[in-house]
C-alpha atoms as a PDB file:
ATOM      1  CA  MET A   1     -61.989  58.616  27.577  1.00  0.00           C
ATOM      2  CA  CYS A   2     -59.977  55.930  25.371  1.00  0.00           C
ATOM      3  CA  ARG A   3     -58.795  56.324  22.076  1.00  0.00           C
ATOM      4  CA  TRP A   4     -59.505  53.815  19.240  1.00  0.00           C
ATOM      5  CA  ALA A   5     -58.917  52.911  15.347  1.00  0.00           C
ATOM      6  CA  ALA A   6     -60.364  50.462  13.261  1.00  0.00           C
ATOM      7  CA  TYR A   7     -59.529  49.221   9.265  1.00  0.00           C
ATOM      8  CA  LEU A   8     -61.274  47.216   6.825  1.00  0.00           C
ATOM      9  CA  GLY A   9     -60.081  46.711   3.124  1.00  0.00           C
ATOM     10  CA  GLU A  10     -57.280  45.103   1.489  1.00  0.00           C
ATOM     11  CA  PRO A  11     -54.775  43.740   3.872  1.00  0.00           C
ATOM     12  CA  ILE A  12     -52.215  46.150   5.430  1.00  0.00           C
ATOM     13  CA  PHE A  13     -49.655  46.169   7.881  1.00  0.00           C
ATOM     14  CA  MET A  14     -51.210  47.050  11.181  1.00  0.00           C
ATOM     15  CA  ASP A  15     -48.431  49.464  12.049  1.00  0.00           C
ATOM     16  CA  GLY A  16     -49.836  51.532   9.200  1.00  0.00           C
ATOM     17  CA  LEU A  17     -52.583  52.802  11.335  1.00  0.00           C
ATOM     18  CA  VAL A  18     -51.530  51.839  15.116  1.00  0.00           C
ATOM     19  CA  THR A  19     -47.756  52.703  15.364  1.00  0.00           C
ATOM     20  CA  SER A  20     -46.347  54.425  12.441  1.00  0.00           C
ATOM     21  CA  PRO A  21     -48.168  57.835  11.680  1.00  0.00           C
ATOM     22  CA  GLY A  22     -47.123  60.948  13.567  1.00  0.00           C
ATOM     23  CA  HIS A  23     -50.422  60.903  15.643  1.00  0.00           C
ATOM     24  CA  SER A  24     -50.727  57.300  15.527  1.00  0.00           C
ATOM     25  CA  LEU A  25     -52.958  55.334  18.345  1.00  0.00           C
ATOM     26  CA  VAL A  26     -49.851  55.193  20.229  1.00  0.00           C
ATOM     27  CA  HIS A  27     -49.114  58.591  20.061  1.00  0.00           C
ATOM     28  CA  GLN A  28     -52.550  59.299  21.137  1.00  0.00           C
ATOM     29  CA  SER A  29     -51.889  57.087  24.340  1.00  0.00           C
ATOM     30  CA  ARG A  30     -49.763  60.002  25.744  1.00  0.00           C
ATOM     31  CA  ALA A  31     -50.822  62.701  23.635  1.00  0.00           C
ATOM     32  CA  ALA A  32     -54.498  62.683  22.486  1.00  0.00           C
ATOM     33  CA  SER A  33     -55.931  66.127  21.006  1.00  0.00           C
ATOM     34  CA  GLU A  34     -59.390  65.464  21.160  1.00  0.00           C
ATOM     35  CA  CYS A  35     -60.603  63.848  24.519  1.00  0.00           C
ATOM     36  CA  LYS A  36     -61.109  65.066  27.982  1.00  0.00           C
ATOM     37  CA  THR A  37     -57.551  63.423  29.008  1.00  0.00           C
ATOM     38  CA  ALA A  38     -54.654  63.500  27.004  1.00  0.00           C
ATOM     39  CA  LEU A  39     -53.083  60.288  28.802  1.00  0.00           C
ATOM     40  CA  ASN A  40     -54.458  56.869  27.552  1.00  0.00           C
ATOM     41  CA  GLY A  41     -52.099  54.898  29.529  1.00  0.00           C
ATOM     42  CA  ASP A  42     -54.157  52.051  31.196  1.00  0.00           C
ATOM     43  CA  GLY A  43     -53.799  49.180  28.857  1.00  0.00           C
ATOM     44  CA  VAL A  44     -53.991  48.439  25.000  1.00  0.00           C
ATOM     45  CA  GLY A  45     -55.444  45.737  22.498  1.00  0.00           C
ATOM     46  CA  VAL A  46     -55.229  44.737  19.198  1.00  0.00           C
ATOM     47  CA  ALA A  47     -57.975  42.236  17.426  1.00  0.00           C
ATOM     48  CA  TRP A  48     -57.329  41.275  13.988  1.00  0.00           C
ATOM     49  CA  TYR A  49     -58.489  39.037  11.335  1.00  0.00           C
ATOM     50  CA  GLY A  50     -56.874  36.234   9.381  1.00  0.00           C
ATOM     51  CA  GLU A  51     -57.160  33.094   7.647  1.00  0.00           C
ATOM     52  CA  ARG A  52     -59.837  31.810  10.471  1.00  0.00           C
ATOM     53  CA  ALA A  53     -63.137  33.190  11.307  1.00  0.00           C
ATOM     54  CA  GLU A  54     -62.406  34.056  14.971  1.00  0.00           C
ATOM     55  CA  PRO A  55     -60.070  37.181  15.308  1.00  0.00           C
ATOM     56  CA  GLY A  56     -56.584  37.179  17.058  1.00  0.00           C
ATOM     57  CA  LEU A  57     -56.269  38.864  20.238  1.00  0.00           C
ATOM     58  CA  TYR A  58     -53.485  40.815  21.949  1.00  0.00           C
ATOM     59  CA  ARG A  59     -53.836  42.821  25.073  1.00  0.00           C
ATOM     60  CA  ASP A  60     -51.859  44.037  27.983  1.00  0.00           C
ATOM     61  CA  VAL A  61     -51.928  46.494  30.761  1.00  0.00           C
ATOM     62  CA  TYR A  62     -48.980  48.170  29.518  1.00  0.00           C
ATOM     63  CA  PRO A  63     -49.209  51.653  28.093  1.00  0.00           C
ATOM     64  CA  ALA A  64     -48.961  51.708  24.274  1.00  0.00           C
ATOM     65  CA  TRP A  65     -46.058  53.640  23.999  1.00  0.00           C
ATOM     66  CA  SER A  66     -43.832  51.372  26.536  1.00  0.00           C
ATOM     67  CA  ASP A  67     -45.000  48.048  25.140  1.00  0.00           C
ATOM     68  CA  PRO A  68     -42.508  46.322  22.312  1.00  0.00           C
ATOM     69  CA  ASN A  69     -44.438  43.190  21.810  1.00  0.00           C
ATOM     70  CA  LEU A  70     -47.195  45.301  20.363  1.00  0.00           C
ATOM     71  CA  MET A  71     -44.733  47.280  17.946  1.00  0.00           C
ATOM     72  CA  ALA A  72     -43.361  44.079  16.772  1.00  0.00           C
ATOM     73  CA  LEU A  73     -46.757  42.707  16.342  1.00  0.00           C
ATOM     74  CA  CYS A  74     -48.382  45.499  14.241  1.00  0.00           C
ATOM     75  CA  GLY A  75     -44.876  45.805  12.282  1.00  0.00           C
ATOM     76  CA  THR A  76     -45.378  42.116  11.134  1.00  0.00           C
ATOM     77  CA  VAL A  77     -49.097  41.343  10.959  1.00  0.00           C
ATOM     78  CA  LYS A  78     -50.931  42.098   7.893  1.00  0.00           C
ATOM     79  CA  SER A  79     -54.664  41.949   8.177  1.00  0.00           C
ATOM     80  CA  HIS A  80     -57.694  43.172   6.009  1.00  0.00           C
ATOM     81  CA  ALA A  81     -59.438  43.629   9.060  1.00  0.00           C
ATOM     82  CA  PHE A  82     -58.604  44.907  12.628  1.00  0.00           C
ATOM     83  CA  MET A  83     -59.354  47.440  15.552  1.00  0.00           C
ATOM     84  CA  ALA A  84     -56.787  48.754  18.499  1.00  0.00           C
ATOM     85  CA  HIS A  85     -57.485  50.508  21.336  1.00  0.00           C
ATOM     86  CA  VAL A  86     -55.561  52.336  24.234  1.00  0.00           C
ATOM     87  CA  ARG A  87     -57.355  52.604  27.303  1.00  0.00           C
ATOM     88  CA  ALA A  88     -58.096  55.458  29.851  1.00  0.00           C
ATOM     89  CA  SER A  89     -60.040  54.002  32.844  1.00  0.00           C
ATOM     90  CA  THR A  90     -63.440  55.614  34.074  1.00  0.00           C
ATOM     91  CA  GLY A  91     -62.878  53.517  37.019  1.00  0.00           C
ATOM     92  CA  SER A  92     -62.560  49.824  36.789  1.00  0.00           C
ATOM     93  CA  ALA A  93     -59.470  48.324  37.575  1.00  0.00           C
ATOM     94  CA  THR A  94     -56.256  48.431  35.305  1.00  0.00           C
ATOM     95  CA  SER A  95     -56.286  44.887  34.006  1.00  0.00           C
ATOM     96  CA  ARG A  96     -55.823  42.546  31.282  1.00  0.00           C
ATOM     97  CA  ASN A  97     -59.504  41.702  31.422  1.00  0.00           C
ATOM     98  CA  ASN A  98     -60.547  45.163  31.305  1.00  0.00           C
ATOM     99  CA  CYS A  99     -58.514  46.092  28.148  1.00  0.00           C
ATOM    100  CA  HIS A 100     -60.047  46.165  24.984  1.00  0.00           C
ATOM    101  CA  PRO A 101     -60.895  45.066  22.280  1.00  0.00           C
ATOM    102  CA  PHE A 102     -63.064  42.186  23.670  1.00  0.00           C
ATOM    103  CA  ALA A 103     -63.515  38.889  21.341  1.00  0.00           C
ATOM    104  CA  CYS A 104     -66.652  36.392  21.454  1.00  0.00           C
ATOM    105  CA  GLY A 105     -66.825  33.840  18.368  1.00  0.00           C
ATOM    106  CA  ARG A 106     -66.219  35.723  15.042  1.00  0.00           C
ATOM    107  CA  TRP A 107     -66.969  39.326  16.682  1.00  0.00           C
ATOM    108  CA  SER A 108     -64.742  41.719  18.224  1.00  0.00           C
ATOM    109  CA  PHE A 109     -65.546  45.194  19.778  1.00  0.00           C
ATOM    110  CA  MET A 110     -64.256  47.973  21.348  1.00  0.00           C
ATOM    111  CA  HIS A 111     -65.704  51.000  23.110  1.00  0.00           C
ATOM    112  CA  ASN A 112     -64.945  54.554  24.522  1.00  0.00           C
ATOM    113  CA  GLY A 113     -67.287  56.350  26.834  1.00  0.00           C
ATOM    114  CA  GLN A 114     -68.829  55.885  29.823  1.00  0.00           C
ATOM    115  CA  VAL A 115     -72.451  54.748  31.576  1.00  0.00           C
ATOM    116  CA  GLY A 116     -73.384  57.375  34.472  1.00  0.00           C
ATOM    117  CA  GLY A 117     -72.719  55.713  38.107  1.00  0.00           C
ATOM    118  CA  PHE A 118     -71.905  52.188  36.527  1.00  0.00           C
ATOM    119  CA  ASP A 119     -70.570  51.417  39.844  1.00  0.00           C
ATOM    120  CA  ARG A 120     -73.892  51.748  41.819  1.00  0.00           C
ATOM    121  CA  PHE A 121     -75.630  49.285  39.723  1.00  0.00           C
ATOM    122  CA  ARG A 122     -72.732  47.324  38.371  1.00  0.00           C
ATOM    123  CA  ARG A 123     -74.342  43.947  40.376  1.00  0.00           C
ATOM    124  CA  LEU A 124     -77.680  44.553  38.679  1.00  0.00           C
ATOM    125  CA  ALA A 125     -76.136  45.033  35.372  1.00  0.00           C
ATOM    126  CA  ASP A 126     -74.122  41.854  35.675  1.00  0.00           C
ATOM    127  CA  MET A 127     -77.188  39.545  36.745  1.00  0.00           C
ATOM    128  CA  CYS A 128     -78.842  40.771  33.478  1.00  0.00           C
ATOM    129  CA  VAL A 129     -76.063  38.582  31.553  1.00  0.00           C
ATOM    130  CA  SER A 130     -77.572  35.370  30.501  1.00  0.00           C
ATOM    131  CA  ASP A 131     -76.149  31.759  31.602  1.00  0.00           C
ATOM    132  CA  ALA A 132     -75.133  31.111  28.487  1.00  0.00           C
ATOM    133  CA  LEU A 133     -72.885  34.265  27.983  1.00  0.00           C
ATOM    134  CA  TYR A 134     -71.812  34.958  31.545  1.00  0.00           C
ATOM    135  CA  ALA A 135     -68.497  32.405  31.060  1.00  0.00           C
ATOM    136  CA  ASN A 136     -67.376  35.272  28.935  1.00  0.00           C
ATOM    137  CA  ARG A 137     -67.856  38.340  31.566  1.00  0.00           C
ATOM    138  CA  ARG A 138     -64.134  38.150  32.474  1.00  0.00           C
ATOM    139  CA  GLY A 139     -63.635  41.957  33.452  1.00  0.00           C
ATOM    140  CA  ALA A 140     -65.600  44.493  35.106  1.00  0.00           C
ATOM    141  CA  THR A 141     -66.090  47.356  32.716  1.00  0.00           C
ATOM    142  CA  ASP A 142     -69.672  48.811  31.320  1.00  0.00           C
ATOM    143  CA  SER A 143     -67.905  48.196  27.869  1.00  0.00           C
ATOM    144  CA  GLU A 144     -67.560  44.294  28.167  1.00  0.00           C
ATOM    145  CA  LEU A 145     -71.626  44.727  29.446  1.00  0.00           C
ATOM    146  CA  LEU A 146     -72.435  46.496  26.392  1.00  0.00           C
ATOM    147  CA  PHE A 147     -70.603  43.844  24.134  1.00  0.00           C
ATOM    148  CA  LEU A 148     -72.648  40.716  25.818  1.00  0.00           C
ATOM    149  CA  TYR A 149     -75.745  42.623  25.681  1.00  0.00           C
ATOM    150  CA  ALA A 150     -75.450  42.943  22.095  1.00  0.00           C
ATOM    151  CA  ILE A 151     -74.897  39.557  21.554  1.00  0.00           C
ATOM    152  CA  ALA A 152     -77.801  38.253  23.768  1.00  0.00           C
ATOM    153  CA  GLU A 153     -79.882  40.883  21.505  1.00  0.00           C
ATOM    154  CA  GLY A 154     -78.941  39.092  18.086  1.00  0.00           C
ATOM    155  CA  LEU A 155     -75.582  40.367  16.936  1.00  0.00           C
ATOM    156  CA  ASP A 156     -75.254  37.656  14.568  1.00  0.00           C
ATOM    157  CA  GLY A 157     -78.645  38.362  12.748  1.00  0.00           C
ATOM    158  CA  ALA A 158     -79.091  42.220  13.545  1.00  0.00           C
ATOM    159  CA  PRO A 159     -75.619  43.718  14.141  1.00  0.00           C
ATOM    160  CA  GLU A 160     -76.770  47.098  14.077  1.00  0.00           C
ATOM    161  CA  ALA A 161     -80.221  47.123  15.843  1.00  0.00           C
ATOM    162  CA  ALA A 162     -78.602  44.711  18.787  1.00  0.00           C
ATOM    163  CA  MET A 163     -76.000  47.151  19.355  1.00  0.00           C
ATOM    164  CA  VAL A 164     -78.469  49.934  19.747  1.00  0.00           C
ATOM    165  CA  THR A 165     -80.440  47.906  22.032  1.00  0.00           C
ATOM    166  CA  ALA A 166     -77.388  47.183  24.122  1.00  0.00           C
ATOM    167  CA  HIS A 167     -76.804  50.829  24.814  1.00  0.00           C
ATOM    168  CA  ALA A 168     -80.755  51.457  25.396  1.00  0.00           C
ATOM    169  CA  ARG A 169     -80.705  48.735  28.288  1.00  0.00           C
ATOM    170  CA  LEU A 170     -77.537  50.302  30.130  1.00  0.00           C
ATOM    171  CA  GLU A 171     -78.723  53.768  29.592  1.00  0.00           C
ATOM    172  CA  ALA A 172     -82.215  52.844  31.125  1.00  0.00           C
ATOM    173  CA  MET A 173     -80.159  51.358  34.164  1.00  0.00           C
ATOM    174  CA  SER A 174     -78.141  54.249  34.747  1.00  0.00           C
ATOM    175  CA  ARG A 175     -81.227  56.686  34.568  1.00  0.00           C
ATOM    176  CA  ALA A 176     -82.721  54.463  37.299  1.00  0.00           C
ATOM    177  CA  HIS A 177     -79.810  53.910  39.202  1.00  0.00           C
ATOM    178  CA  GLY A 178     -77.211  55.970  38.147  1.00  0.00           C
ATOM    179  CA  THR A 179     -76.096  59.286  37.294  1.00  0.00           C
ATOM    180  CA  THR A 180     -75.617  61.739  34.590  1.00  0.00           C
ATOM    181  CA  PRO A 181     -74.243  61.839  32.320  1.00  0.00           C
ATOM    182  CA  HIS A 182     -76.405  58.549  31.516  1.00  0.00           C
ATOM    183  CA  LEU A 183     -74.241  57.559  28.354  1.00  0.00           C
ATOM    184  CA  ARG A 184     -71.470  58.661  26.440  1.00  0.00           C
ATOM    185  CA  SER A 185     -70.424  56.416  23.548  1.00  0.00           C
ATOM    186  CA  SER A 186     -68.137  55.782  20.419  1.00  0.00           C
ATOM    187  CA  ALA A 187     -68.073  52.082  19.781  1.00  0.00           C
ATOM    188  CA  ALA A 188     -66.770  49.941  16.981  1.00  0.00           C
ATOM    189  CA  TRP A 189     -67.627  46.213  16.215  1.00  0.00           C
ATOM    190  CA  MET A 190     -66.679  43.684  13.335  1.00  0.00           C
ATOM    191  CA  ASP A 191     -66.885  40.280  12.198  1.00  0.00           C
ATOM    192  CA  GLY A 192     -64.069  40.294   9.851  1.00  0.00           C
ATOM    193  CA  GLN A 193     -66.016  41.198   6.494  1.00  0.00           C
ATOM    194  CA  ARG A 194     -68.033  44.145   7.909  1.00  0.00           C
ATOM    195  CA  LEU A 195     -67.278  47.287  10.325  1.00  0.00           C
ATOM    196  CA  PHE A 196     -69.793  48.894  12.362  1.00  0.00           C
ATOM    197  CA  VAL A 197     -69.383  52.212  14.415  1.00  0.00           C
ATOM    198  CA  LEU A 198     -71.595  54.301  16.606  1.00  0.00           C
ATOM    199  CA  ARG A 199     -71.287  57.660  18.128  1.00  0.00           C
ATOM    200  CA  THR A 200     -74.007  58.855  20.754  1.00  0.00           C
ATOM    201  CA  SER A 201     -74.439  60.908  24.303  1.00  0.00           C
ATOM    202  CA  THR A 202     -77.457  61.571  26.626  1.00  0.00           C
ATOM    203  CA  ASP A 203     -75.887  65.070  26.626  1.00  0.00           C
ATOM    204  CA  HIS A 204     -74.022  67.429  24.095  1.00  0.00           C
ATOM    205  CA  ILE A 205     -70.642  65.732  24.579  1.00  0.00           C
ATOM    206  CA  ALA A 206     -70.321  62.763  22.195  1.00  0.00           C
ATOM    207  CA  PRO A 207     -66.656  61.115  21.780  1.00  0.00           C
ATOM    208  CA  THR A 208     -65.403  61.764  18.245  1.00  0.00           C
ATOM    209  CA  VAL A 209     -65.458  59.256  15.376  1.00  0.00           C
ATOM    210  CA  TYR A 210     -63.698  59.895  12.117  1.00  0.00           C
ATOM    211  CA  TYR A 211     -63.734  58.043   8.979  1.00  0.00           C
ATOM    212  CA  ARG A 212     -61.941  58.196   5.571  1.00  0.00           C
ATOM    213  CA  ARG A 213     -61.794  55.793   2.233  1.00  0.00           C
ATOM    214  CA  ARG A 214     -58.302  54.737   1.548  1.00  0.00           C
ATOM    215  CA  ALA A 215     -56.408  56.764  -1.316  1.00  0.00           C
ATOM    216  CA  ASP A 216     -56.636  53.851  -3.736  1.00  0.00           C
ATOM    217  CA  ASP A 217     -60.619  53.058  -2.990  1.00  0.00           C
ATOM    218  CA  LEU A 218     -59.640  49.813  -1.372  1.00  0.00           C
ATOM    219  CA  GLY A 219     -60.596  50.190   2.293  1.00  0.00           C
ATOM    220  CA  TRP A 220     -61.714  52.508   5.404  1.00  0.00           C
ATOM    221  CA  PHE A 221     -60.081  53.755   8.207  1.00  0.00           C
ATOM    222  CA  VAL A 222     -62.298  54.710  11.278  1.00  0.00           C
ATOM    223  CA  VAL A 223     -60.627  56.404  14.128  1.00  0.00           C
ATOM    224  CA  SER A 224     -61.208  58.536  17.489  1.00  0.00           C
ATOM    225  CA  GLU A 225     -58.952  61.145  15.514  1.00  0.00           C
ATOM    226  CA  PRO A 226     -57.139  61.360  12.720  1.00  0.00           C
ATOM    227  CA  PRO A 227     -53.487  59.378  12.745  1.00  0.00           C
ATOM    228  CA  GLU A 228     -51.947  63.024  11.411  1.00  0.00           C
ATOM    229  CA  LEU A 229     -52.743  65.938  12.825  1.00  0.00           C
ATOM    230  CA  GLY A 230     -54.334  68.548  10.648  1.00  0.00           C
ATOM    231  CA  GLN A 231     -54.730  65.563   7.884  1.00  0.00           C
ATOM    232  CA  ALA A 232     -57.570  66.548   5.494  1.00  0.00           C
ATOM    233  CA  GLY A 233     -60.352  64.174   3.890  1.00  0.00           C
ATOM    234  CA  TRP A 234     -61.600  63.134   7.367  1.00  0.00           C
ATOM    235  CA  THR A 235     -65.613  62.713   7.744  1.00  0.00           C
ATOM    236  CA  GLU A 236     -67.013  63.087  11.020  1.00  0.00           C
ATOM    237  CA  LEU A 237     -69.737  60.809  11.801  1.00  0.00           C
ATOM    238  CA  PRO A 238     -72.602  63.006  13.284  1.00  0.00           C
ATOM    239  CA  ALA A 239     -73.669  62.184  16.907  1.00  0.00           C
ATOM    240  CA  GLY A 240     -76.777  59.947  17.404  1.00  0.00           C
ATOM    241  CA  HIS A 241     -75.714  57.894  14.023  1.00  0.00           C
ATOM    242  CA  LEU A 242     -74.576  54.781  13.195  1.00  0.00           C
ATOM    243  CA  ALA A 243     -72.158  53.729  10.304  1.00  0.00           C
ATOM    244  CA  ALA A 244     -71.628  50.307   8.521  1.00  0.00           C
ATOM    245  CA  PHE A 245     -68.830  49.844   6.517  1.00  0.00           C
ATOM    246  CA  SER A 246     -68.252  46.886   3.849  1.00  0.00           C
ATOM    247  CA  ASP A 247     -66.472  46.809   0.392  1.00  0.00           C
ATOM    248  CA  ALA A 248     -69.772  48.036  -1.166  1.00  0.00           C
ATOM    249  CA  GLY A 249     -69.325  51.416   0.773  1.00  0.00           C
ATOM    250  CA  VAL A 250     -70.585  53.122   4.184  1.00  0.00           C
ATOM    251  CA  VAL A 251     -74.218  53.515   5.015  1.00  0.00           C
ATOM    252  CA  ILE A 252     -74.983  56.147   7.388  1.00  0.00           C
ATOM    253  CA  THR A 253     -78.187  55.489   9.839  1.00  0.00           C
ATOM    254  CA  PRO A 254     -79.817  57.512  12.680  1.00  0.00           C
ATOM    255  CA  MET A 255     -79.984  55.306  15.755  1.00  0.00           C
ATOM    256  CA  SER A 256     -83.490  56.294  16.296  1.00  0.00           C
ATOM    257  CA  ASP A 257     -84.249  54.487  13.316  1.00  0.00           C
ATOM    258  CA  LEU A 258     -82.660  51.383  14.349  1.00  0.00           C
ATOM    259  CA  ALA A 259     -84.165  51.731  17.904  1.00  0.00           C
ATOM    260  CA  ARG A 260     -87.553  51.719  16.107  1.00  0.00           C
ATOM    261  CA  GLU A 261     -86.921  48.845  14.260  1.00  0.00           C
ATOM    262  CA  ALA A 262     -85.780  46.956  17.502  1.00  0.00           C
ATOM    263  CA  ALA A 263     -88.883  47.763  19.235  1.00  0.00           C
END
């Protein structure tokens, strides 16, 4: 499993979430406390928004704890919207193209979880990507496919329903051709103005997601696990739900409601 963190609000330096806290994302890359494996050393990535609509993107195969470029980037870049990810591979190769976040147009996306038996039907899943989007299929992960499926399902116009539908498509393939657990997922996606997060699983083990308002009420932090051990004030996103964050606040919606809307 992987660990990730995201922010939306008044601009802050990215190191305030990614590298500086006592249990920062970098610390979680070698000592995570709320996932199957404590080590998440199969790559690192950051997507951030600035003056342009499209995000900047940095990804590499180095473990986060030994990547000086990551430290320098997070210590000097200030952003109102960013996401960061440390990877623990569930089977695909350690390569830059398999590192999160992924970006396409104004959207960025990252994921923690698995689609059961994905290697058994990866060719079929790849064939379901449209010709128009296939040039964006650069890696070999189920995570990247979730993102491309969501774009095809209308992420621009319906960012919540599209992502729920994308998850349902891969879950259905796993049920038909893969293995259990068919789907475990915590995913985050943003367009520079809005941040969306979901947490779901077909069994009783859903990857953790927590969120918290900034102390001055000027932003949102959303994480796989809090950046300080034992820190109060974090709310756990219930399994089977999706959260939409914006300047106006947060809206929590059952994924089952969004699935009915998309049907």
